[in-house]
Amino acid sequence: MKNKVKLAINWAGACGGCDVAVLDIEEKILDVAAIADILYWPVAMDFKREDLKAVPDQSIDVCLFNGMIRNSEHREDALILRQKSKVMIAFGSCACFGGIPGMANVTDRDGIFETAYKTTQTTVNDDNTVPLPLTRTDKGDELILPKMFDAVYALHQVVDVDYYVPGCPPPTDLILKAVGVIADYAEGRELPPKGSVIAGEKALCSECKRIATKKGDRIQRIVRPHEIDIDPDICLLEQGIICMGPFTRAGCGAICVNANMPCRGCFGPIDAQLDPGAEALSALGSVTGPENEDYVMRPEMLRPVNAIQDPVGTFYRFALPTAIICRTVKTKK
């Protein structure tokens, strides 16, 4: 290839699984090496932020940015890489929607610090010491930490994003499709429309082998996976197990559902959905209740819904920061 793509891969607020997933493409990593020169990948090579700042603006062709934005360092990384990159790809659920770390939006920074540094049973912190952005030592030295924000943000809530690759982490075939976008860029071929999600266009049910058994009957009770012997051939919703498959984008091959675990929504919503969590909760309320009843009274409808142990964690596990109501608002006295 005459002109290799200049590639950057960055890890912000995340577990590191997305970086590992890039390596999960195994020998096909050589295909990436054939079309791209990696200019920045701190987790895999000895790159420093100063190296990134030194490269000219727009000199990076494609950036794979994984992780949510939780503190000032993550935000600075996002701003720098957006300035340096021509194409920005939100890579993984955390970058696309806020991910599991986005569940921190049920509280705020002070609430997290109060729990982590003061009230846990294993914490010994008599001086009530908490992390500060700037600390001066007795010798006059300054210790600087990133400032933690009150809320978690998805990447597109901070900078402009061109494409999205969902998943926790993205599966190998989607990573290869992302590599295909990089290859298209290198060859000057037409790229997908800006804002495209590199995944399926339909709901996950379209990939699920249990779809034929989905009858739409009323759900008489809500159960958790460990409470019943799951029938591997019957739709999980039909068995009373909350599955986010109807409200989640396809593209993973229904690997969790095939392993008798309900979908938790890591691929985010399809384009037609405004707020998948709210839609799932509403739909669930409309199909619960006694069997063969055409009309269900409100108490009968609410009883199974109120039995859900963790509604926010069930319906917004990966996408709370991008929901309509994206965080808990705390009024300071």
Protein backbone atom coordinates (compact mmCIF):
# COMPACT_ATOMS: atom_id res chain seq x y z
CA MET A 1 0.00 0.00 0.00
CA LYS A 2 1.39 3.32 -1.09
CA ASN A 3 -0.03 5.50 1.71
CA LYS A 4 -0.60 3.72 4.99
CA VAL A 5 -3.26 5.05 7.34
CA LYS A 6 -2.01 6.89 10.41
CA LEU A 7 -3.88 5.22 13.30
CA ALA A 8 -4.35 6.13 16.97
CA ILE A 9 -5.93 3.96 19.68
CA ASN A 10 -6.78 5.53 23.02
CA TRP A 11 -8.07 4.17 26.34
CA ALA A 12 -10.05 6.58 28.53
CA GLY A 13 -12.40 5.55 31.35
CA ALA A 14 -12.84 1.81 30.79
CA CYS A 15 -11.75 -1.65 31.93
CA GLY A 16 -9.25 -2.24 29.12
CA GLY A 17 -11.31 -4.95 27.43
CA CYS A 18 -11.63 -2.97 24.21
CA ASP A 19 -7.85 -2.74 23.84
CA VAL A 20 -7.59 -6.47 24.44
CA ALA A 21 -10.36 -7.07 21.90
CA VAL A 22 -8.21 -5.44 19.22
CA LEU A 23 -5.64 -8.15 19.88
CA ASP A 24 -8.37 -10.82 19.76
CA ILE A 25 -8.42 -10.55 15.98
CA GLU A 26 -5.26 -12.69 16.24
CA GLU A 27 -3.29 -13.06 13.02
CA LYS A 28 -5.51 -10.50 11.31
CA ILE A 29 -3.66 -7.89 13.34
CA LEU A 30 -1.09 -8.28 10.58
CA ASP A 31 -3.70 -6.99 8.13
CA VAL A 32 -3.97 -3.88 10.28
CA ALA A 33 -0.19 -3.51 10.25
CA ALA A 34 -0.26 -3.78 6.47
CA ILE A 35 -2.61 -0.83 6.04
CA ALA A 36 -1.82 1.32 9.07
CA ASP A 37 1.03 2.83 11.01
CA ILE A 38 0.15 3.22 14.68
CA LEU A 39 1.09 6.71 15.80
CA TYR A 40 -0.38 6.44 19.29
CA TRP A 41 -1.42 3.45 21.43
CA PRO A 42 -0.27 4.02 25.03
CA VAL A 43 -1.51 0.70 26.41
CA ALA A 44 0.55 -1.30 23.91
CA MET A 45 3.55 0.92 23.21
CA ASP A 46 5.59 3.51 25.03
CA PHE A 47 3.70 6.59 23.88
CA LYS A 48 3.31 9.66 26.08
CA ARG A 49 0.81 12.46 25.84
CA GLU A 50 3.59 14.83 24.84
CA ASP A 51 4.18 12.62 21.79
CA LEU A 52 0.53 13.07 20.85
CA LYS A 53 0.60 16.83 21.36
CA ALA A 54 3.66 17.08 19.12
CA VAL A 55 2.01 15.65 16.00
CA PRO A 56 0.40 18.19 13.62
CA ASP A 57 -3.36 18.73 13.64
CA GLN A 58 -5.28 16.36 11.35
CA SER A 59 -2.18 14.23 10.88
CA ILE A 60 -3.89 11.14 12.37
CA ASP A 61 -6.23 9.60 9.83
CA VAL A 62 -8.35 7.40 12.12
CA CYS A 63 -8.68 7.26 15.90
CA LEU A 64 -10.28 4.37 17.79
CA PHE A 65 -11.31 5.93 21.10
CA ASN A 66 -12.53 3.55 23.80
CA GLY A 67 -13.80 4.43 27.25
CA MET A 68 -16.17 7.00 28.71
CA ILE A 69 -15.32 10.51 29.89
CA ARG A 70 -15.13 10.60 33.68
CA ASN A 71 -12.43 13.15 34.51
CA SER A 72 -10.47 16.07 33.13
CA GLU A 73 -7.72 13.84 31.73
CA HIS A 74 -10.21 11.81 29.68
CA ARG A 75 -11.74 15.02 28.37
CA GLU A 76 -8.34 16.43 27.45
CA ASP A 77 -7.46 13.21 25.62
CA ALA A 78 -10.71 13.40 23.66
CA LEU A 79 -10.19 17.04 22.71
CA ILE A 80 -6.58 16.51 21.64
CA LEU A 81 -7.34 13.40 19.60
CA ARG A 82 -10.31 15.08 17.92
CA GLN A 83 -8.04 17.95 16.94
CA LYS A 84 -5.34 15.61 15.66
CA SER A 85 -7.64 13.10 13.89
CA LYS A 86 -9.60 13.25 10.66
CA VAL A 87 -11.92 10.37 11.58
CA MET A 88 -13.02 9.69 15.17
CA ILE A 89 -14.56 6.29 15.99
CA ALA A 90 -16.26 5.67 19.34
CA PHE A 91 -15.06 2.14 20.03
CA GLY A 92 -16.97 0.02 22.55
CA SER A 93 -20.03 0.59 24.73
CA CYS A 94 -18.34 3.00 27.12
CA ALA A 95 -17.35 5.40 24.36
CA CYS A 96 -20.67 4.96 22.52
CA PHE A 97 -23.12 5.22 25.44
CA GLY A 98 -21.20 5.62 28.72
CA GLY A 99 -21.16 1.88 29.42
CA ILE A 100 -21.33 0.20 32.82
CA PRO A 101 -19.25 3.01 34.42
CA GLY A 102 -22.11 5.30 33.43
CA MET A 103 -24.16 3.72 36.22
CA ALA A 104 -22.26 6.12 38.46
CA ASN A 105 -24.73 8.74 37.24
CA VAL A 106 -27.20 7.52 39.87
CA THR A 107 -25.13 9.64 42.25
CA ASP A 108 -22.50 12.38 41.97
CA ARG A 109 -18.81 12.83 42.77
CA ASP A 110 -19.42 13.71 46.41
CA GLY A 111 -21.62 10.66 46.86
CA ILE A 112 -18.99 8.39 45.33
CA PHE A 113 -16.23 9.85 47.49
CA GLU A 114 -18.40 9.57 50.59
CA THR A 115 -18.93 5.87 49.96
CA ALA A 116 -15.46 4.95 48.69
CA TYR A 117 -13.35 6.91 51.17
CA LYS A 118 -15.51 7.22 54.28
CA THR A 119 -18.37 4.79 54.80
CA THR A 120 -17.34 1.35 53.55
CA GLN A 121 -16.75 -1.22 56.28
CA THR A 122 -13.14 -1.76 55.21
CA THR A 123 -12.22 1.92 55.03
CA VAL A 124 -9.94 3.41 57.67
CA ASN A 125 -9.80 7.12 56.96
CA ASP A 126 -10.00 9.06 60.22
CA ASP A 127 -8.85 12.27 58.54
CA ASN A 128 -11.56 12.01 55.84
CA THR A 129 -8.93 12.36 53.13
CA VAL A 130 -10.28 12.39 49.57
CA PRO A 131 -8.48 12.88 46.23
CA LEU A 132 -7.90 16.50 45.30
CA PRO A 133 -6.88 17.90 41.90
CA LEU A 134 -3.96 19.72 43.53
CA THR A 135 -2.07 18.81 46.71
CA ARG A 136 1.01 20.57 48.07
CA THR A 137 3.41 18.53 50.14
CA ASP A 138 5.29 19.77 53.19
CA LYS A 139 8.31 20.25 50.97
CA GLY A 140 6.40 22.49 48.58
CA ASP A 141 6.00 19.95 45.79
CA GLU A 142 2.74 19.94 43.85
CA LEU A 143 0.93 16.66 43.19
CA ILE A 144 -1.68 16.92 40.43
CA LEU A 145 -4.53 14.47 39.80
CA PRO A 146 -7.21 14.67 37.11
CA LYS A 147 -10.39 16.36 38.30
CA MET A 148 -13.26 13.90 38.61
CA PHE A 149 -16.51 15.15 37.08
CA ASP A 150 -19.94 14.93 38.68
CA ALA A 151 -21.22 12.78 35.82
CA VAL A 152 -20.08 10.24 33.24
CA TYR A 153 -20.26 11.23 29.55
CA ALA A 154 -20.22 9.29 26.30
CA LEU A 155 -17.60 10.40 23.78
CA HIS A 156 -20.05 12.22 21.46
CA GLN A 157 -21.23 14.33 24.41
CA VAL A 158 -17.74 15.86 24.55
CA VAL A 159 -16.43 15.86 20.97
CA ASP A 160 -17.73 15.26 17.46
CA VAL A 161 -17.80 11.53 16.56
CA ASP A 162 -17.84 10.12 13.02
CA TYR A 163 -18.62 6.42 13.60
CA TYR A 164 -19.66 4.06 16.38
CA VAL A 165 -18.56 0.47 17.06
CA PRO A 166 -20.65 -0.84 19.99
CA GLY A 167 -20.12 -3.86 22.22
CA CYS A 168 -18.60 -4.70 25.58
CA PRO A 169 -16.15 -5.32 24.04
CA PRO A 170 -16.83 -5.18 20.29
CA PRO A 171 -16.74 -8.72 18.83
CA THR A 172 -14.07 -9.72 16.37
CA ASP A 173 -16.24 -9.45 13.25
CA LEU A 174 -17.19 -5.86 14.05
CA ILE A 175 -13.58 -4.96 14.74
CA LEU A 176 -12.73 -6.34 11.32
CA LYS A 177 -15.50 -4.18 9.83
CA ALA A 178 -13.92 -1.19 11.54
CA VAL A 179 -10.60 -2.26 10.02
CA GLY A 180 -12.45 -2.32 6.70
CA VAL A 181 -13.40 1.33 7.20
CA ILE A 182 -9.73 2.09 7.82
CA ALA A 183 -8.81 0.21 4.65
CA ASP A 184 -11.46 2.09 2.67
CA TYR A 185 -10.02 5.34 3.95
CA ALA A 186 -6.53 4.26 2.90
CA GLU A 187 -7.70 3.40 -0.62
CA GLY A 188 -9.80 6.53 -0.98
CA ARG A 189 -13.06 4.60 -1.26
CA GLU A 190 -16.37 6.06 -0.10
CA LEU A 191 -16.92 5.79 3.64
CA PRO A 192 -20.24 5.10 5.41
CA PRO A 193 -22.40 8.15 6.16
CA LYS A 194 -21.20 10.13 9.15
CA GLY A 195 -22.80 8.94 12.36
CA SER A 196 -23.15 5.35 11.16
CA VAL A 197 -23.11 2.54 13.70
CA ILE A 198 -20.92 -0.32 12.51
CA ALA A 199 -23.30 -3.09 13.62
CA GLY A 200 -26.70 -4.50 12.70
CA GLU A 201 -29.66 -2.33 11.77
CA LYS A 202 -32.37 -4.50 13.35
CA ALA A 203 -33.02 -5.52 16.96
CA LEU A 204 -31.08 -8.39 18.49
CA CYS A 205 -34.14 -10.68 18.28
CA SER A 206 -33.45 -10.90 14.54
CA GLU A 207 -30.27 -12.86 15.37
CA CYS A 208 -31.70 -14.93 18.22
CA LYS A 209 -32.43 -18.62 17.58
CA ARG A 210 -35.30 -18.41 20.10
CA ILE A 211 -37.26 -15.90 18.00
CA ALA A 212 -39.63 -18.60 16.69
CA THR A 213 -40.86 -19.27 20.24
CA LYS A 214 -41.67 -15.63 21.00
CA LYS A 215 -45.47 -15.65 21.30
CA GLY A 216 -46.15 -12.34 22.99
CA ASP A 217 -48.24 -13.92 25.74
CA ARG A 218 -48.64 -12.18 29.05
CA ILE A 219 -45.77 -12.58 31.49
CA GLN A 220 -47.26 -13.77 34.75
CA ARG A 221 -44.18 -13.16 36.86
CA ILE A 222 -40.69 -11.74 36.55
CA VAL A 223 -37.85 -14.06 37.53
CA ARG A 224 -34.09 -13.82 37.60
CA PRO A 225 -31.97 -16.31 35.62
CA HIS A 226 -30.82 -18.25 38.70
CA GLU A 227 -34.38 -18.75 39.97
CA ILE A 228 -35.55 -21.17 37.28
CA ASP A 229 -34.25 -23.93 35.06
CA ILE A 230 -34.00 -22.03 31.78
CA ASP A 231 -35.33 -23.80 28.71
CA PRO A 232 -32.59 -23.29 26.07
CA ASP A 233 -35.12 -23.30 23.23
CA ILE A 234 -37.76 -20.89 24.52
CA CYS A 235 -37.65 -17.08 24.35
CA LEU A 236 -36.32 -15.77 27.64
CA LEU A 237 -39.07 -13.15 27.88
CA GLU A 238 -41.65 -15.93 27.53
CA GLN A 239 -40.04 -17.55 30.57
CA GLY A 240 -40.33 -14.36 32.60
CA ILE A 241 -36.66 -13.35 32.33
CA ILE A 242 -36.08 -9.73 31.38
CA CYS A 243 -34.12 -9.66 28.12
CA MET A 244 -33.21 -6.42 26.37
CA GLY A 245 -33.04 -8.16 22.98
CA PRO A 246 -36.09 -6.37 21.50
CA PHE A 247 -34.60 -3.02 22.50
CA THR A 248 -30.95 -3.59 21.55
CA ARG A 249 -29.12 -3.36 18.23
CA ALA A 250 -28.09 -6.60 16.56
CA GLY A 251 -24.51 -7.41 15.69
CA CYS A 252 -23.17 -9.67 18.44
CA GLY A 253 -24.74 -12.89 17.18
CA ALA A 254 -26.83 -13.20 20.37
CA ILE A 255 -23.90 -14.87 22.13
CA CYS A 256 -25.21 -14.13 25.64
CA VAL A 257 -28.72 -15.38 24.87
CA ASN A 258 -27.28 -18.53 23.31
CA ALA A 259 -25.48 -19.13 26.61
CA ASN A 260 -28.80 -18.88 28.52
CA MET A 261 -28.08 -15.36 29.72
CA PRO A 262 -30.43 -12.49 28.83
CA CYS A 263 -29.26 -9.60 26.70
CA ARG A 264 -28.27 -6.60 28.83
CA GLY A 265 -28.11 -4.06 26.02
CA CYS A 266 -24.40 -3.51 25.42
CA PHE A 267 -24.97 -2.75 21.71
CA GLY A 268 -27.25 0.16 22.51
CA PRO A 269 -30.51 1.10 20.78
CA ILE A 270 -31.47 0.79 17.15
CA ASP A 271 -32.02 4.04 15.29
CA ALA A 272 -35.79 3.98 15.72
CA GLN A 273 -35.62 4.00 19.51
CA LEU A 274 -35.46 7.20 21.48
CA ASP A 275 -34.83 5.69 24.92
CA PRO A 276 -34.59 1.88 24.98
CA GLY A 277 -34.74 1.65 28.77
CA ALA A 278 -37.98 3.62 29.01
CA GLU A 279 -39.46 1.70 26.09
CA ALA A 280 -38.50 -1.64 27.65
CA LEU A 281 -40.02 -0.72 31.00
CA SER A 282 -43.22 0.50 29.32
CA ALA A 283 -43.51 -2.60 27.17
CA LEU A 284 -42.88 -4.88 30.11
CA GLY A 285 -45.63 -3.20 32.08
CA SER A 286 -48.07 -3.71 29.22
CA VAL A 287 -47.48 -7.47 28.88
CA THR A 288 -47.34 -8.53 32.52
CA GLY A 289 -50.32 -9.87 34.42
CA PRO A 290 -52.67 -12.86 34.57
CA GLU A 291 -52.81 -15.18 31.59
CA ASN A 292 -55.62 -14.81 29.05
CA GLU A 293 -56.71 -11.44 30.41
CA ASP A 294 -57.53 -8.78 27.79
CA TYR A 295 -57.59 -5.99 30.35
CA VAL A 296 -55.30 -5.79 33.35
CA MET A 297 -55.89 -3.43 36.24
CA ARG A 298 -53.08 -1.12 37.26
CA PRO A 299 -52.17 -3.02 40.48
CA GLU A 300 -51.87 -6.28 38.55
CA MET A 301 -49.64 -4.56 36.01
CA LEU A 302 -47.43 -2.93 38.61
CA ARG A 303 -46.95 -6.01 40.80
CA PRO A 304 -44.45 -7.85 38.55
CA VAL A 305 -42.80 -4.60 37.46
CA ASN A 306 -42.23 -3.58 41.06
CA ALA A 307 -40.63 -7.00 41.65
CA ILE A 308 -37.68 -6.01 39.45
CA GLN A 309 -34.68 -5.87 41.77
CA ASP A 310 -32.65 -3.19 39.99
CA PRO A 311 -34.63 -1.26 37.34
CA VAL A 312 -31.84 1.19 36.44
CA GLY A 313 -29.24 -1.55 36.24
CA THR A 314 -31.61 -3.75 34.27
CA PHE A 315 -32.78 -1.25 31.66
CA TYR A 316 -29.87 1.22 31.54
CA ARG A 317 -26.85 -0.93 32.34
CA PHE A 318 -24.83 0.33 29.38
CA ALA A 319 -26.56 3.52 28.31
CA LEU A 320 -27.60 5.63 31.29
CA PRO A 321 -25.48 8.69 30.30
CA THR A 322 -27.25 8.85 26.90
CA ALA A 323 -30.78 8.28 28.24
CA ILE A 324 -33.39 11.04 28.28
CA ILE A 325 -33.03 11.21 32.06
CA CYS A 326 -29.31 10.57 32.18
CA ARG A 327 -28.43 11.11 35.83
CA THR A 328 -29.71 11.74 39.33
CA VAL A 329 -30.03 15.42 40.14
CA LYS A 330 -29.04 16.33 43.67
CA THR A 331 -30.02 19.71 45.03
CA LYS A 332 -27.41 21.18 47.30
CA LYS A 333 -28.65 22.84 50.46
